[in-house]
Amino acid sequence: VKNMRSIKPIIIFSGENDERVNAEQARFMTEALYRKFP
């Protein structure tokens, strides 16, 4: 995320029962994007 210069509209989809990608990862990514592009 630190290397990104701009952002287009994005929706991050997540499932609370995802056995491969923990839902926390989607939350962390969303928060990182909010911090980078306030």
Full PDB file with SEQRES, HELIX, SHEET, SSBOND, CRYST1, ORIGX, SCALE, CONECT and MASTER records, all heavy atoms in Angstrom:
SEQRES   1 A   38  VAL LYS ASN MET ARG SER ILE LYS PRO ILE ILE ILE PHE          
SEQRES   2 A   38  SER GLY GLU ASN ASP GLU ARG VAL ASN ALA GLU GLN ALA          
SEQRES   3 A   38  ARG PHE MET THR GLU ALA LEU TYR ARG LYS PHE PRO              
HELIX    1 AA1 ALA A   23  LYS A   36  1                                  14    
CRYST1    1.000    1.000    1.000  90.00  90.00  90.00 P 1           1          
ORIGX1      1.000000  0.000000  0.000000        0.00000                         
ORIGX2      0.000000  1.000000  0.000000        0.00000                         
ORIGX3      0.000000  0.000000  1.000000        0.00000                         
SCALE1      1.000000  0.000000  0.000000        0.00000                         
SCALE2      0.000000  1.000000  0.000000        0.00000                         
SCALE3      0.000000  0.000000  1.000000        0.00000                         
ATOM      1  N   VAL A   1       0.844  -1.193   0.000  1.00  0.00           N  
ATOM      2  CA  VAL A   1       0.000   0.000   0.000  1.00  0.00           C  
ATOM      3  C   VAL A   1       0.882   1.248   0.000  1.00  0.00           C  
ATOM      4  O   VAL A   1       0.580   2.242  -0.651  1.00  0.00           O  
ATOM      5  CB  VAL A   1      -0.979  -0.002   1.205  1.00  0.00           C  
ATOM      6  CG1 VAL A   1      -1.638   1.349   1.384  1.00  0.00           C  
ATOM      7  CG2 VAL A   1      -2.025  -1.082   1.010  1.00  0.00           C  
ATOM      8  N   LYS A   2       2.004   1.178   0.701  1.00  0.00           N  
ATOM      9  CA  LYS A   2       2.896   2.345   0.788  1.00  0.00           C  
ATOM     10  C   LYS A   2       3.420   2.787  -0.576  1.00  0.00           C  
ATOM     11  O   LYS A   2       3.783   3.941  -0.773  1.00  0.00           O  
ATOM     12  CB  LYS A   2       4.054   2.054   1.744  1.00  0.00           C  
ATOM     13  CG  LYS A   2       4.975   0.949   1.273  1.00  0.00           C  
ATOM     14  CD  LYS A   2       6.088   0.680   2.261  1.00  0.00           C  
ATOM     15  CE  LYS A   2       6.966  -0.443   1.800  1.00  0.00           C  
ATOM     16  NZ  LYS A   2       6.720  -1.708   2.425  1.00  0.00           N  
ATOM     17  N   ASN A   3       3.441   1.879  -1.553  1.00  0.00           N  
ATOM     18  CA  ASN A   3       3.931   2.211  -2.894  1.00  0.00           C  
ATOM     19  C   ASN A   3       2.849   2.790  -3.813  1.00  0.00           C  
ATOM     20  O   ASN A   3       3.160   3.246  -4.903  1.00  0.00           O  
ATOM     21  CB  ASN A   3       4.516   0.960  -3.553  1.00  0.00           C  
ATOM     22  CG  ASN A   3       5.682   0.405  -2.768  1.00  0.00           C  
ATOM     23  OD1 ASN A   3       6.444   1.141  -2.160  1.00  0.00           O  
ATOM     24  ND2 ASN A   3       5.804  -0.912  -2.754  1.00  0.00           N  
ATOM     25  N   MET A   4       1.619   2.753  -3.360  1.00  0.00           N  
ATOM     26  CA  MET A   4       0.516   3.259  -4.192  1.00  0.00           C  
ATOM     27  C   MET A   4       0.555   4.778  -4.271  1.00  0.00           C  
ATOM     28  O   MET A   4       0.846   5.448  -3.293  1.00  0.00           O  
ATOM     29  CB  MET A   4      -0.830   2.801  -3.613  1.00  0.00           C  
ATOM     30  CG  MET A   4      -1.035   1.307  -3.667  1.00  0.00           C  
ATOM     31  SD  MET A   4      -2.591   0.788  -2.849  1.00  0.00           S  
ATOM     32  CE  MET A   4      -3.794   1.484  -3.981  1.00  0.00           C  
ATOM     33  N   ARG A   5       0.250   5.321  -5.436  1.00  0.00           N  
ATOM     34  CA  ARG A   5       0.245   6.769  -5.634  1.00  0.00           C  
ATOM     35  C   ARG A   5      -1.175   7.333  -5.714  1.00  0.00           C  
ATOM     36  O   ARG A   5      -1.414   8.490  -5.451  1.00  0.00           O  
ATOM     37  CB  ARG A   5       1.005   7.124  -6.893  1.00  0.00           C  
ATOM     38  CG  ARG A   5       2.438   6.608  -6.907  1.00  0.00           C  
ATOM     39  CD  ARG A   5       3.411   7.720  -7.188  1.00  0.00           C  
ATOM     40  NE  ARG A   5       4.758   7.268  -7.429  1.00  0.00           N  
ATOM     41  CZ  ARG A   5       5.609   6.931  -6.479  1.00  0.00           C  
ATOM     42  NH1 ARG A   5       5.232   6.936  -5.236  1.00  0.00           N  
ATOM     43  NH2 ARG A   5       6.829   6.566  -6.767  1.00  0.00           N  
ATOM     44  N   SER A   6      -2.121   6.497  -6.138  1.00  0.00           N  
ATOM     45  CA  SER A   6      -3.509   6.932  -6.254  1.00  0.00           C  
ATOM     46  C   SER A   6      -4.398   5.712  -6.047  1.00  0.00           C  
ATOM     47  O   SER A   6      -3.919   4.583  -6.012  1.00  0.00           O  
ATOM     48  CB  SER A   6      -3.773   7.571  -7.613  1.00  0.00           C  
ATOM     49  OG  SER A   6      -3.577   6.625  -8.638  1.00  0.00           O  
ATOM     50  N   ILE A   7      -5.689   5.974  -5.939  1.00  0.00           N  
ATOM     51  CA  ILE A   7      -6.621   4.860  -5.748  1.00  0.00           C  
ATOM     52  C   ILE A   7      -7.885   5.104  -6.561  1.00  0.00           C  
ATOM     53  O   ILE A   7      -8.344   6.239  -6.684  1.00  0.00           O  
ATOM     54  CB  ILE A   7      -6.963   4.656  -4.258  1.00  0.00           C  
ATOM     55  CG1 ILE A   7      -7.744   3.358  -4.067  1.00  0.00           C  
ATOM     56  CG2 ILE A   7      -7.704   5.852  -3.688  1.00  0.00           C  
ATOM     57  CD1 ILE A   7      -7.778   2.870  -2.643  1.00  0.00           C  
ATOM     58  N   LYS A   8      -8.381   4.047  -7.146  1.00  0.00           N  
ATOM     59  CA  LYS A   8      -9.673   4.066  -7.828  1.00  0.00           C  
ATOM     60  C   LYS A   8     -10.691   3.497  -6.846  1.00  0.00           C  
ATOM     61  O   LYS A   8     -10.318   2.857  -5.865  1.00  0.00           O  
ATOM     62  CB  LYS A   8      -9.619   3.204  -9.088  1.00  0.00           C  
ATOM     63  CG  LYS A   8      -8.679   3.739 -10.135  1.00  0.00           C  
ATOM     64  CD  LYS A   8      -8.663   2.847 -11.350  1.00  0.00           C  
ATOM     65  CE  LYS A   8      -7.713   3.404 -12.394  1.00  0.00           C  
ATOM     66  NZ  LYS A   8      -7.666   2.575 -13.583  1.00  0.00           N  
ATOM     67  N   PRO A   9     -11.973   3.698  -7.098  1.00  0.00           N  
ATOM     68  CA  PRO A   9     -12.969   3.112  -6.197  1.00  0.00           C  
ATOM     69  C   PRO A   9     -12.768   1.598  -6.056  1.00  0.00           C  
ATOM     70  O   PRO A   9     -12.492   0.906  -7.038  1.00  0.00           O  
ATOM     71  CB  PRO A   9     -14.300   3.423  -6.876  1.00  0.00           C  
ATOM     72  CG  PRO A   9     -14.017   4.669  -7.659  1.00  0.00           C  
ATOM     73  CD  PRO A   9     -12.607   4.503  -8.146  1.00  0.00           C  
ATOM     74  N   ILE A  10     -12.885   1.126  -4.827  1.00  0.00           N  
ATOM     75  CA  ILE A  10     -12.649  -0.286  -4.539  1.00  0.00           C  
ATOM     76  C   ILE A  10     -13.618  -0.763  -3.470  1.00  0.00           C  
ATOM     77  O   ILE A  10     -13.924  -0.038  -2.526  1.00  0.00           O  
ATOM     78  CB  ILE A  10     -11.190  -0.531  -4.094  1.00  0.00           C  
ATOM     79  CG1 ILE A  10     -10.925  -2.014  -3.847  1.00  0.00           C  
ATOM     80  CG2 ILE A  10     -10.845   0.284  -2.855  1.00  0.00           C  
ATOM     81  CD1 ILE A  10      -9.465  -2.353  -3.610  1.00  0.00           C  
ATOM     82  N   ILE A  11     -14.122  -1.975  -3.649  1.00  0.00           N  
ATOM     83  CA  ILE A  11     -14.901  -2.650  -2.621  1.00  0.00           C  
ATOM     84  C   ILE A  11     -14.140  -3.921  -2.279  1.00  0.00           C  
ATOM     85  O   ILE A  11     -13.868  -4.749  -3.161  1.00  0.00           O  
ATOM     86  CB  ILE A  11     -16.318  -3.002  -3.076  1.00  0.00           C  
ATOM     87  CG1 ILE A  11     -17.088  -1.751  -3.477  1.00  0.00           C  
ATOM     88  CG2 ILE A  11     -17.056  -3.750  -1.946  1.00  0.00           C  
ATOM     89  CD1 ILE A  11     -18.451  -2.039  -4.075  1.00  0.00           C  
ATOM     90  N   ILE A  12     -13.793  -4.079  -1.025  1.00  0.00           N  
ATOM     91  CA  ILE A  12     -13.110  -5.274  -0.554  1.00  0.00           C  
ATOM     92  C   ILE A  12     -14.180  -6.188   0.030  1.00  0.00           C  
ATOM     93  O   ILE A  12     -14.869  -5.814   0.982  1.00  0.00           O  
ATOM     94  CB  ILE A  12     -12.035  -4.913   0.487  1.00  0.00           C  
ATOM     95  CG1 ILE A  12     -10.995  -3.995  -0.160  1.00  0.00           C  
ATOM     96  CG2 ILE A  12     -11.405  -6.178   1.061  1.00  0.00           C  
ATOM     97  CD1 ILE A  12      -9.996  -3.407   0.788  1.00  0.00           C  
ATOM     98  N   PHE A  13     -14.340  -7.366  -0.546  1.00  0.00           N  
ATOM     99  CA  PHE A  13     -15.326  -8.327  -0.077  1.00  0.00           C  
ATOM    100  C   PHE A  13     -14.639  -9.350   0.819  1.00  0.00           C  
ATOM    101  O   PHE A  13     -13.549  -9.811   0.512  1.00  0.00           O  
ATOM    102  CB  PHE A  13     -15.986  -9.053  -1.256  1.00  0.00           C  
ATOM    103  CG  PHE A  13     -16.866  -8.164  -2.078  1.00  0.00           C  
ATOM    104  CD1 PHE A  13     -16.383  -7.543  -3.213  1.00  0.00           C  
ATOM    105  CD2 PHE A  13     -18.180  -7.949  -1.703  1.00  0.00           C  
ATOM    106  CE1 PHE A  13     -17.194  -6.724  -3.972  1.00  0.00           C  
ATOM    107  CE2 PHE A  13     -19.006  -7.128  -2.454  1.00  0.00           C  
ATOM    108  CZ  PHE A  13     -18.513  -6.514  -3.590  1.00  0.00           C  
ATOM    109  N   SER A  14     -15.297  -9.690   1.909  1.00  0.00           N  
ATOM    110  CA  SER A  14     -14.723 -10.629   2.860  1.00  0.00           C  
ATOM    111  C   SER A  14     -15.825 -11.488   3.451  1.00  0.00           C  
ATOM    112  O   SER A  14     -16.983 -11.084   3.506  1.00  0.00           O  
ATOM    113  CB  SER A  14     -14.015  -9.853   3.973  1.00  0.00           C  
ATOM    114  OG  SER A  14     -13.519 -10.726   4.952  1.00  0.00           O  
ATOM    115  N   GLY A  15     -15.449 -12.671   3.913  1.00  0.00           N  
ATOM    116  CA  GLY A  15     -16.382 -13.558   4.599  1.00  0.00           C  
ATOM    117  C   GLY A  15     -15.845 -13.916   5.968  1.00  0.00           C  
ATOM    118  O   GLY A  15     -14.677 -14.269   6.108  1.00  0.00           O  
ATOM    119  N   GLU A  16     -16.692 -13.829   6.960  1.00  0.00           N  
ATOM    120  CA  GLU A  16     -16.254 -14.125   8.328  1.00  0.00           C  
ATOM    121  C   GLU A  16     -15.880 -15.587   8.519  1.00  0.00           C  
ATOM    122  O   GLU A  16     -15.156 -15.919   9.446  1.00  0.00           O  
ATOM    123  CB  GLU A  16     -17.324 -13.704   9.325  1.00  0.00           C  
ATOM    124  CG  GLU A  16     -17.460 -12.204   9.439  1.00  0.00           C  
ATOM    125  CD  GLU A  16     -18.513 -11.775  10.439  1.00  0.00           C  
ATOM    126  OE1 GLU A  16     -19.036 -12.624  11.183  1.00  0.00           O  
ATOM    127  OE2 GLU A  16     -18.803 -10.574  10.472  1.00  0.00           O  
ATOM    128  N   ASN A  17     -16.356 -16.480   7.655  1.00  0.00           N  
ATOM    129  CA  ASN A  17     -16.038 -17.906   7.770  1.00  0.00           C  
ATOM    130  C   ASN A  17     -14.987 -18.352   6.760  1.00  0.00           C  
ATOM    131  O   ASN A  17     -14.881 -19.537   6.484  1.00  0.00           O  
ATOM    132  CB  ASN A  17     -17.310 -18.744   7.595  1.00  0.00           C  
ATOM    133  CG  ASN A  17     -18.274 -18.552   8.734  1.00  0.00           C  
ATOM    134  OD1 ASN A  17     -17.869 -18.318   9.863  1.00  0.00           O  
ATOM    135  ND2 ASN A  17     -19.558 -18.637   8.457  1.00  0.00           N  
ATOM    136  N   ASP A  18     -14.238 -17.417   6.221  1.00  0.00           N  
ATOM    137  CA  ASP A  18     -13.214 -17.759   5.232  1.00  0.00           C  
ATOM    138  C   ASP A  18     -12.092 -18.522   5.927  1.00  0.00           C  
ATOM    139  O   ASP A  18     -11.452 -18.006   6.844  1.00  0.00           O  
ATOM    140  CB  ASP A  18     -12.670 -16.485   4.581  1.00  0.00           C  
ATOM    141  CG  ASP A  18     -11.829 -16.774   3.355  1.00  0.00           C  
ATOM    142  OD1 ASP A  18     -11.176 -17.848   3.311  1.00  0.00           O  
ATOM    143  OD2 ASP A  18     -11.818 -15.939   2.452  1.00  0.00           O  
ATOM    144  N   GLU A  19     -11.864 -19.753   5.473  1.00  0.00           N  
ATOM    145  CA  GLU A  19     -10.849 -20.597   6.095  1.00  0.00           C  
ATOM    146  C   GLU A  19      -9.456 -20.374   5.501  1.00  0.00           C  
ATOM    147  O   GLU A  19      -8.483 -20.893   6.005  1.00  0.00           O  
ATOM    148  CB  GLU A  19     -11.243 -22.075   5.971  1.00  0.00           C  
ATOM    149  CG  GLU A  19     -11.211 -22.627   4.564  1.00  0.00           C  
ATOM    150  CD  GLU A  19     -12.418 -22.246   3.698  1.00  0.00           C  
ATOM    151  OE1 GLU A  19     -13.357 -21.620   4.194  1.00  0.00           O  
ATOM    152  OE2 GLU A  19     -12.388 -22.570   2.493  1.00  0.00           O  
ATOM    153  N   ARG A  20      -9.366 -19.581   4.444  1.00  0.00           N  
ATOM    154  CA  ARG A  20      -8.063 -19.336   3.817  1.00  0.00           C  
ATOM    155  C   ARG A  20      -7.552 -17.917   4.057  1.00  0.00           C  
ATOM    156  O   ARG A  20      -6.360 -17.719   4.240  1.00  0.00           O  
ATOM    157  CB  ARG A  20      -8.137 -19.590   2.317  1.00  0.00           C  
ATOM    158  CG  ARG A  20      -8.371 -21.036   1.991  1.00  0.00           C  
ATOM    159  CD  ARG A  20      -8.252 -21.262   0.515  1.00  0.00           C  
ATOM    160  NE  ARG A  20      -8.572 -22.649   0.224  1.00  0.00           N  
ATOM    161  CZ  ARG A  20      -8.504 -23.178  -0.962  1.00  0.00           C  
ATOM    162  NH1 ARG A  20      -8.148 -22.448  -1.986  1.00  0.00           N  
ATOM    163  NH2 ARG A  20      -8.805 -24.435  -1.148  1.00  0.00           N  
ATOM    164  N   VAL A  21      -8.420 -16.948   3.986  1.00  0.00           N  
ATOM    165  CA  VAL A  21      -8.019 -15.558   4.180  1.00  0.00           C  
ATOM    166  C   VAL A  21      -8.869 -15.005   5.320  1.00  0.00           C  
ATOM    167  O   VAL A  21     -10.045 -14.738   5.150  1.00  0.00           O  
ATOM    168  CB  VAL A  21      -8.242 -14.717   2.894  1.00  0.00           C  
ATOM    169  CG1 VAL A  21      -7.780 -13.284   3.115  1.00  0.00           C  
ATOM    170  CG2 VAL A  21      -7.536 -15.343   1.716  1.00  0.00           C  
ATOM    171  N   ASN A  22      -8.249 -14.870   6.465  1.00  0.00           N  
ATOM    172  CA  ASN A  22      -8.954 -14.401   7.644  1.00  0.00           C  
ATOM    173  C   ASN A  22      -9.619 -13.056   7.369  1.00  0.00           C  
ATOM    174  O   ASN A  22      -9.043 -12.191   6.717  1.00  0.00           O  
ATOM    175  CB  ASN A  22      -7.944 -14.285   8.789  1.00  0.00           C  
ATOM    176  CG  ASN A  22      -8.573 -13.967  10.107  1.00  0.00           C  
ATOM    177  OD1 ASN A  22      -9.296 -12.985  10.234  1.00  0.00           O  
ATOM    178  ND2 ASN A  22      -8.306 -14.800  11.084  1.00  0.00           N  
ATOM    179  N   ALA A  23     -10.831 -12.874   7.867  1.00  0.00           N  
ATOM    180  CA  ALA A  23     -11.561 -11.616   7.654  1.00  0.00           C  
ATOM    181  C   ALA A  23     -10.778 -10.416   8.178  1.00  0.00           C  
ATOM    182  O   ALA A  23     -10.922  -9.304   7.665  1.00  0.00           O  
ATOM    183  CB  ALA A  23     -12.930 -11.694   8.324  1.00  0.00           C  
ATOM    184  N   GLU A  24      -9.936 -10.629   9.166  1.00  0.00           N  
ATOM    185  CA  GLU A  24      -9.113  -9.535   9.691  1.00  0.00           C  
ATOM    186  C   GLU A  24      -8.214  -8.942   8.605  1.00  0.00           C  
ATOM    187  O   GLU A  24      -7.943  -7.751   8.619  1.00  0.00           O  
ATOM    188  CB  GLU A  24      -8.238 -10.017  10.860  1.00  0.00           C  
ATOM    189  CG  GLU A  24      -8.993 -10.244  12.137  1.00  0.00           C  
ATOM    190  CD  GLU A  24      -9.545  -8.953  12.708  1.00  0.00           C  
ATOM    191  OE1 GLU A  24      -8.839  -7.926  12.706  1.00  0.00           O  
ATOM    192  OE2 GLU A  24     -10.700  -8.973  13.155  1.00  0.00           O  
ATOM    193  N   GLN A  25      -7.767  -9.762   7.669  1.00  0.00           N  
ATOM    194  CA  GLN A  25      -6.893  -9.255   6.616  1.00  0.00           C  
ATOM    195  C   GLN A  25      -7.606  -8.211   5.768  1.00  0.00           C  
ATOM    196  O   GLN A  25      -7.009  -7.213   5.376  1.00  0.00           O  
ATOM    197  CB  GLN A  25      -6.384 -10.402   5.748  1.00  0.00           C  
ATOM    198  CG  GLN A  25      -5.423 -11.312   6.486  1.00  0.00           C  
ATOM    199  CD  GLN A  25      -4.851 -12.380   5.585  1.00  0.00           C  
ATOM    200  OE1 GLN A  25      -4.520 -12.114   4.435  1.00  0.00           O  
ATOM    201  NE2 GLN A  25      -4.726 -13.575   6.099  1.00  0.00           N  
ATOM    202  N   ALA A  26      -8.870  -8.443   5.476  1.00  0.00           N  
ATOM    203  CA  ALA A  26      -9.637  -7.460   4.704  1.00  0.00           C  
ATOM    204  C   ALA A  26      -9.798  -6.175   5.505  1.00  0.00           C  
ATOM    205  O   ALA A  26      -9.710  -5.075   4.959  1.00  0.00           O  
ATOM    206  CB  ALA A  26     -11.003  -8.035   4.338  1.00  0.00           C  
ATOM    207  N   ARG A  27     -10.013  -6.314   6.805  1.00  0.00           N  
ATOM    208  CA  ARG A  27     -10.143  -5.126   7.659  1.00  0.00           C  
ATOM    209  C   ARG A  27      -8.826  -4.353   7.716  1.00  0.00           C  
ATOM    210  O   ARG A  27      -8.818  -3.124   7.643  1.00  0.00           O  
ATOM    211  CB  ARG A  27     -10.579  -5.533   9.057  1.00  0.00           C  
ATOM    212  CG  ARG A  27     -11.967  -6.133   9.086  1.00  0.00           C  
ATOM    213  CD  ARG A  27     -12.357  -6.555  10.490  1.00  0.00           C  
ATOM    214  NE  ARG A  27     -13.458  -7.496  10.402  1.00  0.00           N  
ATOM    215  CZ  ARG A  27     -13.539  -8.618  11.098  1.00  0.00           C  
ATOM    216  NH1 ARG A  27     -12.581  -8.943  11.953  1.00  0.00           N  
ATOM    217  NH2 ARG A  27     -14.572  -9.414  10.957  1.00  0.00           N  
ATOM    218  N   PHE A  28      -7.719  -5.076   7.858  1.00  0.00           N  
ATOM    219  CA  PHE A  28      -6.399  -4.421   7.897  1.00  0.00           C  
ATOM    220  C   PHE A  28      -6.126  -3.690   6.586  1.00  0.00           C  
ATOM    221  O   PHE A  28      -5.604  -2.568   6.578  1.00  0.00           O  
ATOM    222  CB  PHE A  28      -5.279  -5.426   8.161  1.00  0.00           C  
ATOM    223  CG  PHE A  28      -5.309  -6.074   9.505  1.00  0.00           C  
ATOM    224  CD1 PHE A  28      -4.793  -7.339   9.685  1.00  0.00           C  
ATOM    225  CD2 PHE A  28      -5.844  -5.427  10.611  1.00  0.00           C  
ATOM    226  CE1 PHE A  28      -4.811  -7.953  10.929  1.00  0.00           C  
ATOM    227  CE2 PHE A  28      -5.873  -6.038  11.858  1.00  0.00           C  
ATOM    228  CZ  PHE A  28      -5.349  -7.302  12.011  1.00  0.00           C  
ATOM    229  N   MET A  29      -6.468  -4.330   5.453  1.00  0.00           N  
ATOM    230  CA  MET A  29      -6.229  -3.716   4.146  1.00  0.00           C  
ATOM    231  C   MET A  29      -7.067  -2.448   3.994  1.00  0.00           C  
ATOM    232  O   MET A  29      -6.570  -1.423   3.531  1.00  0.00           O  
ATOM    233  CB  MET A  29      -6.560  -4.718   3.032  1.00  0.00           C  
ATOM    234  CG  MET A  29      -6.224  -4.214   1.655  1.00  0.00           C  
ATOM    235  SD  MET A  29      -4.438  -4.003   1.467  1.00  0.00           S  
ATOM    236  CE  MET A  29      -4.332  -3.638  -0.253  1.00  0.00           C  
ATOM    237  N   THR A  30      -8.324  -2.526   4.398  1.00  0.00           N  
ATOM    238  CA  THR A  30      -9.205  -1.360   4.308  1.00  0.00           C  
ATOM    239  C   THR A  30      -8.656  -0.221   5.157  1.00  0.00           C  
ATOM    240  O   THR A  30      -8.585   0.932   4.701  1.00  0.00           O  
ATOM    241  CB  THR A  30     -10.629  -1.732   4.758  1.00  0.00           C  
ATOM    242  OG1 THR A  30     -11.091  -2.816   3.947  1.00  0.00           O  
ATOM    243  CG2 THR A  30     -11.575  -0.558   4.620  1.00  0.00           C  
ATOM    244  N   GLU A  31      -8.241  -0.525   6.365  1.00  0.00           N  
ATOM    245  CA  GLU A  31      -7.697   0.505   7.258  1.00  0.00           C  
ATOM    246  C   GLU A  31      -6.403   1.101   6.687  1.00  0.00           C  
ATOM    247  O   GLU A  31      -6.182   2.312   6.754  1.00  0.00           O  
ATOM    248  CB  GLU A  31      -7.444  -0.071   8.649  1.00  0.00           C  
ATOM    249  CG  GLU A  31      -6.963   0.942   9.655  1.00  0.00           C  
ATOM    250  CD  GLU A  31      -7.923   2.109   9.867  1.00  0.00           C  
ATOM    251  OE1 GLU A  31      -9.145   1.910   9.803  1.00  0.00           O  
ATOM    252  OE2 GLU A  31      -7.439   3.237  10.094  1.00  0.00           O  
ATOM    253  N   ALA A  32      -5.547   0.259   6.106  1.00  0.00           N  
ATOM    254  CA  ALA A  32      -4.306   0.760   5.509  1.00  0.00           C  
ATOM    255  C   ALA A  32      -4.611   1.708   4.348  1.00  0.00           C  
ATOM    256  O   ALA A  32      -3.941   2.742   4.191  1.00  0.00           O  
ATOM    257  CB  ALA A  32      -3.445  -0.408   5.029  1.00  0.00           C  
ATOM    258  N   LEU A  33      -5.615   1.377   3.543  1.00  0.00           N  
ATOM    259  CA  LEU A  33      -6.002   2.256   2.436  1.00  0.00           C  
ATOM    260  C   LEU A  33      -6.573   3.564   2.964  1.00  0.00           C  
ATOM    261  O   LEU A  33      -6.295   4.639   2.421  1.00  0.00           O  
ATOM    262  CB  LEU A  33      -6.998   1.558   1.517  1.00  0.00           C  
ATOM    263  CG  LEU A  33      -6.429   0.396   0.706  1.00  0.00           C  
ATOM    264  CD1 LEU A  33      -7.548  -0.381   0.020  1.00  0.00           C  
ATOM    265  CD2 LEU A  33      -5.398   0.880  -0.301  1.00  0.00           C  
ATOM    266  N   TYR A  34      -7.372   3.504   4.022  1.00  0.00           N  
ATOM    267  CA  TYR A  34      -7.905   4.731   4.647  1.00  0.00           C  
ATOM    268  C   TYR A  34      -6.756   5.629   5.133  1.00  0.00           C  
ATOM    269  O   TYR A  34      -6.787   6.839   4.969  1.00  0.00           O  
ATOM    270  CB  TYR A  34      -8.797   4.405   5.835  1.00  0.00           C  
ATOM    271  CG  TYR A  34     -10.188   3.922   5.512  1.00  0.00           C  
ATOM    272  CD1 TYR A  34     -10.920   3.219   6.461  1.00  0.00           C  
ATOM    273  CD2 TYR A  34     -10.791   4.149   4.276  1.00  0.00           C  
ATOM    274  CE1 TYR A  34     -12.207   2.775   6.196  1.00  0.00           C  
ATOM    275  CE2 TYR A  34     -12.070   3.705   4.001  1.00  0.00           C  
ATOM    276  CZ  TYR A  34     -12.771   3.021   4.969  1.00  0.00           C  
ATOM    277  OH  TYR A  34     -14.044   2.577   4.710  1.00  0.00           O  
ATOM    278  N   ARG A  35      -5.752   5.021   5.746  1.00  0.00           N  
ATOM    279  CA  ARG A  35      -4.611   5.816   6.242  1.00  0.00           C  
ATOM    280  C   ARG A  35      -3.811   6.416   5.092  1.00  0.00           C  
ATOM    281  O   ARG A  35      -3.373   7.561   5.157  1.00  0.00           O  
ATOM    282  CB  ARG A  35      -3.708   4.951   7.126  1.00  0.00           C  
ATOM    283  CG  ARG A  35      -4.252   4.720   8.518  1.00  0.00           C  
ATOM    284  CD  ARG A  35      -3.199   4.163   9.481  1.00  0.00           C  
ATOM    285  NE  ARG A  35      -2.520   2.982   8.981  1.00  0.00           N  
ATOM    286  CZ  ARG A  35      -2.943   1.733   9.139  1.00  0.00           C  
ATOM    287  NH1 ARG A  35      -4.062   1.499   9.781  1.00  0.00           N  
ATOM    288  NH2 ARG A  35      -2.257   0.727   8.660  1.00  0.00           N  
ATOM    289  N   LYS A  36      -3.594   5.636   4.041  1.00  0.00           N  
ATOM    290  CA  LYS A  36      -2.805   6.115   2.900  1.00  0.00           C  
ATOM    291  C   LYS A  36      -3.552   7.193   2.110  1.00  0.00           C  
ATOM    292  O   LYS A  36      -2.946   8.143   1.635  1.00  0.00           O  
ATOM    293  CB  LYS A  36      -2.466   4.927   1.982  1.00  0.00           C  
ATOM    294  CG  LYS A  36      -1.758   5.293   0.706  1.00  0.00           C  
ATOM    295  CD  LYS A  36      -0.331   5.687   0.928  1.00  0.00           C  
ATOM    296  CE  LYS A  36       0.339   5.978  -0.413  1.00  0.00           C  
ATOM    297  NZ  LYS A  36       1.728   6.272  -0.291  1.00  0.00           N  
ATOM    298  N   PHE A  37      -4.872   7.035   1.979  1.00  0.00           N  
ATOM    299  CA  PHE A  37      -5.686   7.965   1.190  1.00  0.00           C  
ATOM    300  C   PHE A  37      -6.826   8.510   2.057  1.00  0.00           C  
ATOM    301  O   PHE A  37      -7.993   8.185   1.840  1.00  0.00           O  
ATOM    302  CB  PHE A  37      -6.249   7.256  -0.052  1.00  0.00           C  
ATOM    303  CG  PHE A  37      -5.190   6.663  -0.928  1.00  0.00           C  
ATOM    304  CD1 PHE A  37      -4.937   5.298  -0.909  1.00  0.00           C  
ATOM    305  CD2 PHE A  37      -4.434   7.458  -1.770  1.00  0.00           C  
ATOM    306  CE1 PHE A  37      -3.962   4.738  -1.715  1.00  0.00           C  
ATOM    307  CE2 PHE A  37      -3.455   6.913  -2.585  1.00  0.00           C  
ATOM    308  CZ  PHE A  37      -3.208   5.548  -2.550  1.00  0.00           C  
ATOM    309  N   PRO A  38      -6.496   9.356   3.039  1.00  0.00           N  
ATOM    310  CA  PRO A  38      -7.522   9.813   3.996  1.00  0.00           C  
ATOM    311  C   PRO A  38      -8.655  10.612   3.372  1.00  0.00           C  
ATOM    312  O   PRO A  38      -9.740  10.664   3.932  1.00  0.00           O  
ATOM    313  CB  PRO A  38      -6.730  10.656   4.998  1.00  0.00           C  
ATOM    314  CG  PRO A  38      -5.499  11.059   4.278  1.00  0.00           C  
ATOM    315  CD  PRO A  38      -5.195   9.951   3.308  1.00  0.00           C  
TER     316      PRO A  38                                                      
MASTER        0    0    0    1    0    0    0    6  315    1    0    3          
END                                                                             
